[in-house]
Amino acid sequence: SIKVGFIPAPPGVIKDPASGELGGYYVDGL
């Protein structure tokens, strides 16, 4: 396990405002 800090900033990190799920190519790559 690793704890990863993130900041919502499309298109690298996209946070769904309803579900809180994360997407974006940073998230996919990591």
PDB file of all heavy atoms in Angstrom:
ATOM      1  N   SER A   1       0.844  -1.193   0.000  1.00  0.00           N
ATOM      2  CA  SER A   1       0.000   0.000   0.000  1.00  0.00           C
ATOM      3  C   SER A   1       0.879   1.243   0.000  1.00  0.00           C
ATOM      4  O   SER A   1       1.950   1.262   0.610  1.00  0.00           O
ATOM      5  CB  SER A   1      -0.907   0.009   1.233  1.00  0.00           C
ATOM      6  OG  SER A   1      -1.669   1.194   1.302  1.00  0.00           O
ATOM      7  N   ILE A   2       0.425   2.286  -0.704  1.00  0.00           N
ATOM      8  CA  ILE A   2       1.108   3.575  -0.702  1.00  0.00           C
ATOM      9  C   ILE A   2       0.061   4.677  -0.648  1.00  0.00           C
ATOM     10  O   ILE A   2      -0.962   4.609  -1.325  1.00  0.00           O
ATOM     11  CB  ILE A   2       2.007   3.769  -1.948  1.00  0.00           C
ATOM     12  CG1 ILE A   2       2.702   5.152  -1.897  1.00  0.00           C
ATOM     13  CG2 ILE A   2       1.226   3.583  -3.249  1.00  0.00           C
ATOM     14  CD1 ILE A   2       3.746   5.346  -2.969  1.00  0.00           C
ATOM     15  N   LYS A   3       0.308   5.679   0.188  1.00  0.00           N
ATOM     16  CA  LYS A   3      -0.585   6.831   0.273  1.00  0.00           C
ATOM     17  C   LYS A   3      -0.121   7.886  -0.723  1.00  0.00           C
ATOM     18  O   LYS A   3       1.048   8.265  -0.722  1.00  0.00           O
ATOM     19  CB  LYS A   3      -0.610   7.400   1.696  1.00  0.00           C
ATOM     20  CG  LYS A   3      -1.303   6.481   2.703  1.00  0.00           C
ATOM     21  CD  LYS A   3      -1.409   7.145   4.068  1.00  0.00           C
ATOM     22  CE  LYS A   3      -2.168   6.242   5.042  1.00  0.00           C
ATOM     23  NZ  LYS A   3      -2.300   6.884   6.372  1.00  0.00           N
ATOM     24  N   VAL A   4      -1.053   8.332  -1.541  1.00  0.00           N
ATOM     25  CA  VAL A   4      -0.729   9.248  -2.631  1.00  0.00           C
ATOM     26  C   VAL A   4      -1.565  10.519  -2.507  1.00  0.00           C
ATOM     27  O   VAL A   4      -2.800  10.462  -2.529  1.00  0.00           O
ATOM     28  CB  VAL A   4      -0.994   8.584  -4.002  1.00  0.00           C
ATOM     29  CG1 VAL A   4      -0.638   9.547  -5.136  1.00  0.00           C
ATOM     30  CG2 VAL A   4      -0.207   7.285  -4.126  1.00  0.00           C
ATOM     31  N   GLY A   5      -0.910  11.661  -2.368  1.00  0.00           N
ATOM     32  CA  GLY A   5      -1.618  12.930  -2.339  1.00  0.00           C
ATOM     33  C   GLY A   5      -2.009  13.348  -3.746  1.00  0.00           C
ATOM     34  O   GLY A   5      -1.245  13.164  -4.689  1.00  0.00           O
ATOM     35  N   PHE A   6      -3.209  13.903  -3.885  1.00  0.00           N
ATOM     36  CA  PHE A   6      -3.662  14.352  -5.199  1.00  0.00           C
ATOM     37  C   PHE A   6      -4.411  15.669  -5.074  1.00  0.00           C
ATOM     38  O   PHE A   6      -4.932  16.015  -4.009  1.00  0.00           O
ATOM     39  CB  PHE A   6      -4.581  13.304  -5.859  1.00  0.00           C
ATOM     40  CG  PHE A   6      -5.977  13.265  -5.285  1.00  0.00           C
ATOM     41  CD1 PHE A   6      -7.016  14.012  -5.851  1.00  0.00           C
ATOM     42  CD2 PHE A   6      -6.270  12.493  -4.170  1.00  0.00           C
ATOM     43  CE1 PHE A   6      -8.299  13.984  -5.325  1.00  0.00           C
ATOM     44  CE2 PHE A   6      -7.548  12.462  -3.625  1.00  0.00           C
ATOM     45  CZ  PHE A   6      -8.567  13.206  -4.213  1.00  0.00           C
ATOM     46  N   ILE A   7      -4.443  16.399  -6.180  1.00  0.00           N
ATOM     47  CA  ILE A   7      -5.219  17.634  -6.292  1.00  0.00           C
ATOM     48  C   ILE A   7      -6.026  17.533  -7.577  1.00  0.00           C
ATOM     49  O   ILE A   7      -5.443  17.305  -8.644  1.00  0.00           O
ATOM     50  CB  ILE A   7      -4.313  18.872  -6.345  1.00  0.00           C
ATOM     51  CG1 ILE A   7      -3.398  18.930  -5.118  1.00  0.00           C
ATOM     52  CG2 ILE A   7      -5.146  20.153  -6.433  1.00  0.00           C
ATOM     53  CD1 ILE A   7      -2.319  19.999  -5.205  1.00  0.00           C
ATOM     54  N   PRO A   8      -7.350  17.656  -7.536  1.00  0.00           N
ATOM     55  CA  PRO A   8      -8.131  17.600  -8.777  1.00  0.00           C
ATOM     56  C   PRO A   8      -7.677  18.680  -9.753  1.00  0.00           C
ATOM     57  O   PRO A   8      -7.716  19.863  -9.445  1.00  0.00           O
ATOM     58  CB  PRO A   8      -9.565  17.848  -8.298  1.00  0.00           C
ATOM     59  CG  PRO A   8      -9.575  17.429  -6.861  1.00  0.00           C
ATOM     60  CD  PRO A   8      -8.211  17.810  -6.348  1.00  0.00           C
ATOM     61  N   ALA A   9      -7.204  18.261 -10.911  1.00  0.00           N
ATOM     62  CA  ALA A   9      -6.719  19.189 -11.937  1.00  0.00           C
ATOM     63  C   ALA A   9      -6.764  18.466 -13.281  1.00  0.00           C
ATOM     64  O   ALA A   9      -5.802  17.802 -13.652  1.00  0.00           O
ATOM     65  CB  ALA A   9      -5.301  19.661 -11.626  1.00  0.00           C
ATOM     66  N   PRO A  10      -7.907  18.540 -13.978  1.00  0.00           N
ATOM     67  CA  PRO A  10      -8.029  17.859 -15.271  1.00  0.00           C
ATOM     68  C   PRO A  10      -6.978  18.379 -16.251  1.00  0.00           C
ATOM     69  O   PRO A  10      -6.549  19.534 -16.152  1.00  0.00           O
ATOM     70  CB  PRO A  10      -9.446  18.242 -15.726  1.00  0.00           C
ATOM     71  CG  PRO A  10     -10.160  18.645 -14.478  1.00  0.00           C
ATOM     72  CD  PRO A  10      -9.120  19.265 -13.601  1.00  0.00           C
ATOM     73  N   PRO A  11      -6.536  17.534 -17.205  1.00  0.00           N
ATOM     74  CA  PRO A  11      -6.993  16.157 -17.431  1.00  0.00           C
ATOM     75  C   PRO A  11      -6.168  15.110 -16.706  1.00  0.00           C
ATOM     76  O   PRO A  11      -6.430  13.924 -16.849  1.00  0.00           O
ATOM     77  CB  PRO A  11      -6.837  16.007 -18.940  1.00  0.00           C
ATOM     78  CG  PRO A  11      -5.624  16.841 -19.243  1.00  0.00           C
ATOM     79  CD  PRO A  11      -5.670  18.015 -18.302  1.00  0.00           C
ATOM     80  N   GLY A  12      -5.176  15.530 -15.900  1.00  0.00           N
ATOM     81  CA  GLY A  12      -4.357  14.562 -15.188  1.00  0.00           C
ATOM     82  C   GLY A  12      -5.111  13.863 -14.076  1.00  0.00           C
ATOM     83  O   GLY A  12      -5.040  12.640 -13.924  1.00  0.00           O
ATOM     84  N   VAL A  13      -5.814  14.647 -13.262  1.00  0.00           N
ATOM     85  CA  VAL A  13      -6.614  14.103 -12.157  1.00  0.00           C
ATOM     86  C   VAL A  13      -8.021  14.692 -12.242  1.00  0.00           C
ATOM     87  O   VAL A  13      -8.191  15.914 -12.177  1.00  0.00           O
ATOM     88  CB  VAL A  13      -5.998  14.439 -10.785  1.00  0.00           C
ATOM     89  CG1 VAL A  13      -6.863  13.865  -9.665  1.00  0.00           C
ATOM     90  CG2 VAL A  13      -4.573  13.904 -10.685  1.00  0.00           C
ATOM     91  N   ILE A  14      -8.999  13.826 -12.398  1.00  0.00           N
ATOM     92  CA  ILE A  14     -10.397  14.244 -12.516  1.00  0.00           C
ATOM     93  C   ILE A  14     -11.185  13.582 -11.387  1.00  0.00           C
ATOM     94  O   ILE A  14     -11.190  12.355 -11.270  1.00  0.00           O
ATOM     95  CB  ILE A  14     -10.991  13.835 -13.877  1.00  0.00           C
ATOM     96  CG1 ILE A  14     -10.162  14.427 -15.020  1.00  0.00           C
ATOM     97  CG2 ILE A  14     -12.444  14.273 -13.988  1.00  0.00           C
ATOM     98  CD1 ILE A  14     -10.509  13.869 -16.380  1.00  0.00           C
ATOM     99  N   LYS A  15     -11.842  14.385 -10.558  1.00  0.00           N
ATOM    100  CA  LYS A  15     -12.634  13.852  -9.452  1.00  0.00           C
ATOM    101  C   LYS A  15     -14.114  14.012  -9.770  1.00  0.00           C
ATOM    102  O   LYS A  15     -14.584  15.123 -10.021  1.00  0.00           O
ATOM    103  CB  LYS A  15     -12.297  14.581  -8.153  1.00  0.00           C
ATOM    104  CG  LYS A  15     -13.064  14.057  -6.940  1.00  0.00           C
ATOM    105  CD  LYS A  15     -12.676  14.800  -5.668  1.00  0.00           C
ATOM    106  CE  LYS A  15     -13.467  14.289  -4.473  1.00  0.00           C
ATOM    107  NZ  LYS A  15     -13.119  15.024  -3.230  1.00  0.00           N
ATOM    108  N   ASP A  16     -14.844  12.920  -9.763  1.00  0.00           N
ATOM    109  CA  ASP A  16     -16.273  12.964 -10.002  1.00  0.00           C
ATOM    110  C   ASP A  16     -16.948  13.650  -8.818  1.00  0.00           C
ATOM    111  O   ASP A  16     -16.831  13.182  -7.676  1.00  0.00           O
ATOM    112  CB  ASP A  16     -16.828  11.550 -10.170  1.00  0.00           C
ATOM    113  CG  ASP A  16     -18.281  11.531 -10.588  1.00  0.00           C
ATOM    114  OD1 ASP A  16     -19.133  11.974  -9.776  1.00  0.00           O
ATOM    115  OD2 ASP A  16     -18.590  11.073 -11.694  1.00  0.00           O
ATOM    116  N   PRO A  17     -17.651  14.764  -9.034  1.00  0.00           N
ATOM    117  CA  PRO A  17     -18.226  15.514  -7.911  1.00  0.00           C
ATOM    118  C   PRO A  17     -19.317  14.740  -7.163  1.00  0.00           C
ATOM    119  O   PRO A  17     -19.562  15.024  -5.986  1.00  0.00           O
ATOM    120  CB  PRO A  17     -18.810  16.766  -8.585  1.00  0.00           C
ATOM    121  CG  PRO A  17     -19.009  16.379 -10.009  1.00  0.00           C
ATOM    122  CD  PRO A  17     -17.932  15.397 -10.341  1.00  0.00           C
ATOM    123  N   ALA A  18     -19.947  13.790  -7.812  1.00  0.00           N
ATOM    124  CA  ALA A  18     -21.019  13.030  -7.166  1.00  0.00           C
ATOM    125  C   ALA A  18     -20.480  11.834  -6.393  1.00  0.00           C
ATOM    126  O   ALA A  18     -20.797  11.642  -5.213  1.00  0.00           O
ATOM    127  CB  ALA A  18     -22.031  12.573  -8.212  1.00  0.00           C
ATOM    128  N   SER A  19     -19.634  11.035  -7.055  1.00  0.00           N
ATOM    129  CA  SER A  19     -19.170   9.791  -6.431  1.00  0.00           C
ATOM    130  C   SER A  19     -17.827   9.929  -5.725  1.00  0.00           C
ATOM    131  O   SER A  19     -17.476   9.106  -4.870  1.00  0.00           O
ATOM    132  CB  SER A  19     -19.056   8.696  -7.491  1.00  0.00           C
ATOM    133  OG  SER A  19     -18.037   9.016  -8.435  1.00  0.00           O
ATOM    134  N   GLY A  20     -17.059  10.959  -6.096  1.00  0.00           N
ATOM    135  CA  GLY A  20     -15.718  11.092  -5.547  1.00  0.00           C
ATOM    136  C   GLY A  20     -14.693  10.214  -6.238  1.00  0.00           C
ATOM    137  O   GLY A  20     -13.510  10.228  -5.870  1.00  0.00           O
ATOM    138  N   GLU A  21     -15.119   9.438  -7.226  1.00  0.00           N
ATOM    139  CA  GLU A  21     -14.197   8.561  -7.955  1.00  0.00           C
ATOM    140  C   GLU A  21     -13.171   9.385  -8.733  1.00  0.00           C
ATOM    141  O   GLU A  21     -13.482  10.459  -9.247  1.00  0.00           O
ATOM    142  CB  GLU A  21     -14.969   7.666  -8.915  1.00  0.00           C
ATOM    143  CG  GLU A  21     -15.784   6.571  -8.238  1.00  0.00           C
ATOM    144  CD  GLU A  21     -14.896   5.546  -7.544  1.00  0.00           C
ATOM    145  OE1 GLU A  21     -13.895   5.104  -8.154  1.00  0.00           O
ATOM    146  OE2 GLU A  21     -15.189   5.213  -6.384  1.00  0.00           O
ATOM    147  N   LEU A  22     -11.958   8.845  -8.822  1.00  0.00           N
ATOM    148  CA  LEU A  22     -10.882   9.541  -9.510  1.00  0.00           C
ATOM    149  C   LEU A  22     -10.609   8.936 -10.880  1.00  0.00           C
ATOM    150  O   LEU A  22     -10.650   7.719 -11.050  1.00  0.00           O
ATOM    151  CB  LEU A  22      -9.587   9.479  -8.679  1.00  0.00           C
ATOM    152  CG  LEU A  22      -9.601  10.175  -7.324  1.00  0.00           C
ATOM    153  CD1 LEU A  22      -8.225  10.071  -6.675  1.00  0.00           C
ATOM    154  CD2 LEU A  22     -10.013  11.632  -7.439  1.00  0.00           C
ATOM    155  N   GLY A  23     -10.342   9.813 -11.843  1.00  0.00           N
ATOM    156  CA  GLY A  23      -9.929   9.402 -13.167  1.00  0.00           C
ATOM    157  C   GLY A  23      -8.862  10.354 -13.666  1.00  0.00           C
ATOM    158  O   GLY A  23      -8.343  11.182 -12.913  1.00  0.00           O
ATOM    159  N   GLY A  24      -8.528  10.267 -14.937  1.00  0.00           N
ATOM    160  CA  GLY A  24      -7.483  11.104 -15.506  1.00  0.00           C
ATOM    161  C   GLY A  24      -6.234  10.289 -15.785  1.00  0.00           C
ATOM    162  O   GLY A  24      -6.019   9.218 -15.211  1.00  0.00           O
ATOM    163  N   TYR A  25      -5.388  10.787 -16.682  1.00  0.00           N
ATOM    164  CA  TYR A  25      -4.243   9.977 -17.089  1.00  0.00           C
ATOM    165  C   TYR A  25      -3.165   9.882 -16.023  1.00  0.00           C
ATOM    166  O   TYR A  25      -2.373   8.928 -16.011  1.00  0.00           O
ATOM    167  CB  TYR A  25      -3.662  10.468 -18.421  1.00  0.00           C
ATOM    168  CG  TYR A  25      -3.094  11.859 -18.422  1.00  0.00           C
ATOM    169  CD1 TYR A  25      -1.787  12.095 -18.047  1.00  0.00           C
ATOM    170  CD2 TYR A  25      -3.861  12.943 -18.827  1.00  0.00           C
ATOM    171  CE1 TYR A  25      -1.256  13.373 -18.057  1.00  0.00           C
ATOM    172  CE2 TYR A  25      -3.337  14.223 -18.850  1.00  0.00           C
ATOM    173  CZ  TYR A  25      -2.040  14.429 -18.468  1.00  0.00           C
ATOM    174  OH  TYR A  25      -1.515  15.704 -18.477  1.00  0.00           O
ATOM    175  N   TYR A  26      -3.086  10.822 -15.081  1.00  0.00           N
ATOM    176  CA  TYR A  26      -2.171  10.658 -13.950  1.00  0.00           C
ATOM    177  C   TYR A  26      -2.609   9.459 -13.103  1.00  0.00           C
ATOM    178  O   TYR A  26      -1.792   8.636 -12.691  1.00  0.00           O
ATOM    179  CB  TYR A  26      -2.170  11.906 -13.074  1.00  0.00           C
ATOM    180  CG  TYR A  26      -1.230  13.003 -13.508  1.00  0.00           C
ATOM    181  CD1 TYR A  26      -0.466  12.908 -14.663  1.00  0.00           C
ATOM    182  CD2 TYR A  26      -1.099  14.160 -12.752  1.00  0.00           C
ATOM    183  CE1 TYR A  26       0.385  13.916 -15.049  1.00  0.00           C
ATOM    184  CE2 TYR A  26      -0.246  15.175 -13.125  1.00  0.00           C
ATOM    185  CZ  TYR A  26       0.490  15.052 -14.277  1.00  0.00           C
ATOM    186  OH  TYR A  26       1.352  16.062 -14.651  1.00  0.00           O
ATOM    187  N   VAL A  27      -3.898   9.421 -12.803  1.00  0.00           N
ATOM    188  CA  VAL A  27      -4.445   8.343 -11.970  1.00  0.00           C
ATOM    189  C   VAL A  27      -4.257   6.998 -12.665  1.00  0.00           C
ATOM    190  O   VAL A  27      -3.828   6.011 -12.047  1.00  0.00           O
ATOM    191  CB  VAL A  27      -5.930   8.603 -11.661  1.00  0.00           C
ATOM    192  CG1 VAL A  27      -6.520   7.455 -10.846  1.00  0.00           C
ATOM    193  CG2 VAL A  27      -6.099   9.921 -10.917  1.00  0.00           C
ATOM    194  N   ASP A  28      -4.568   6.942 -13.959  1.00  0.00           N
ATOM    195  CA  ASP A  28      -4.415   5.694 -14.711  1.00  0.00           C
ATOM    196  C   ASP A  28      -2.955   5.247 -14.728  1.00  0.00           C
ATOM    197  O   ASP A  28      -2.653   4.061 -14.538  1.00  0.00           O
ATOM    198  CB  ASP A  28      -4.904   5.877 -16.147  1.00  0.00           C
ATOM    199  CG  ASP A  28      -6.392   6.182 -16.228  1.00  0.00           C
ATOM    200  OD1 ASP A  28      -7.101   5.965 -15.227  1.00  0.00           O
ATOM    201  OD2 ASP A  28      -6.842   6.641 -17.289  1.00  0.00           O
ATOM    202  N   GLY A  29      -2.048   6.202 -14.961  1.00  0.00           N
ATOM    203  CA  GLY A  29      -0.629   5.868 -15.006  1.00  0.00           C
ATOM    204  C   GLY A  29      -0.108   5.380 -13.670  1.00  0.00           C
ATOM    205  O   GLY A  29       0.632   4.395 -13.589  1.00  0.00           O
ATOM    206  N   LEU A  30      -0.495   6.069 -12.597  1.00  0.00           N
ATOM    207  CA  LEU A  30      -0.016   5.683 -11.275  1.00  0.00           C
ATOM    208  C   LEU A  30      -0.545   4.306 -10.880  1.00  0.00           C
ATOM    209  O   LEU A  30       0.183   3.477 -10.327  1.00  0.00           O
ATOM    210  CB  LEU A  30      -0.431   6.731 -10.242  1.00  0.00           C
ATOM    211  CG  LEU A  30       0.070   6.391  -8.844  1.00  0.00           C
ATOM    212  CD1 LEU A  30       0.860   7.543  -8.239  1.00  0.00           C
ATOM    213  CD2 LEU A  30      -1.085   6.024  -7.915  1.00  0.00           C
TER     214      LEU A  30
END
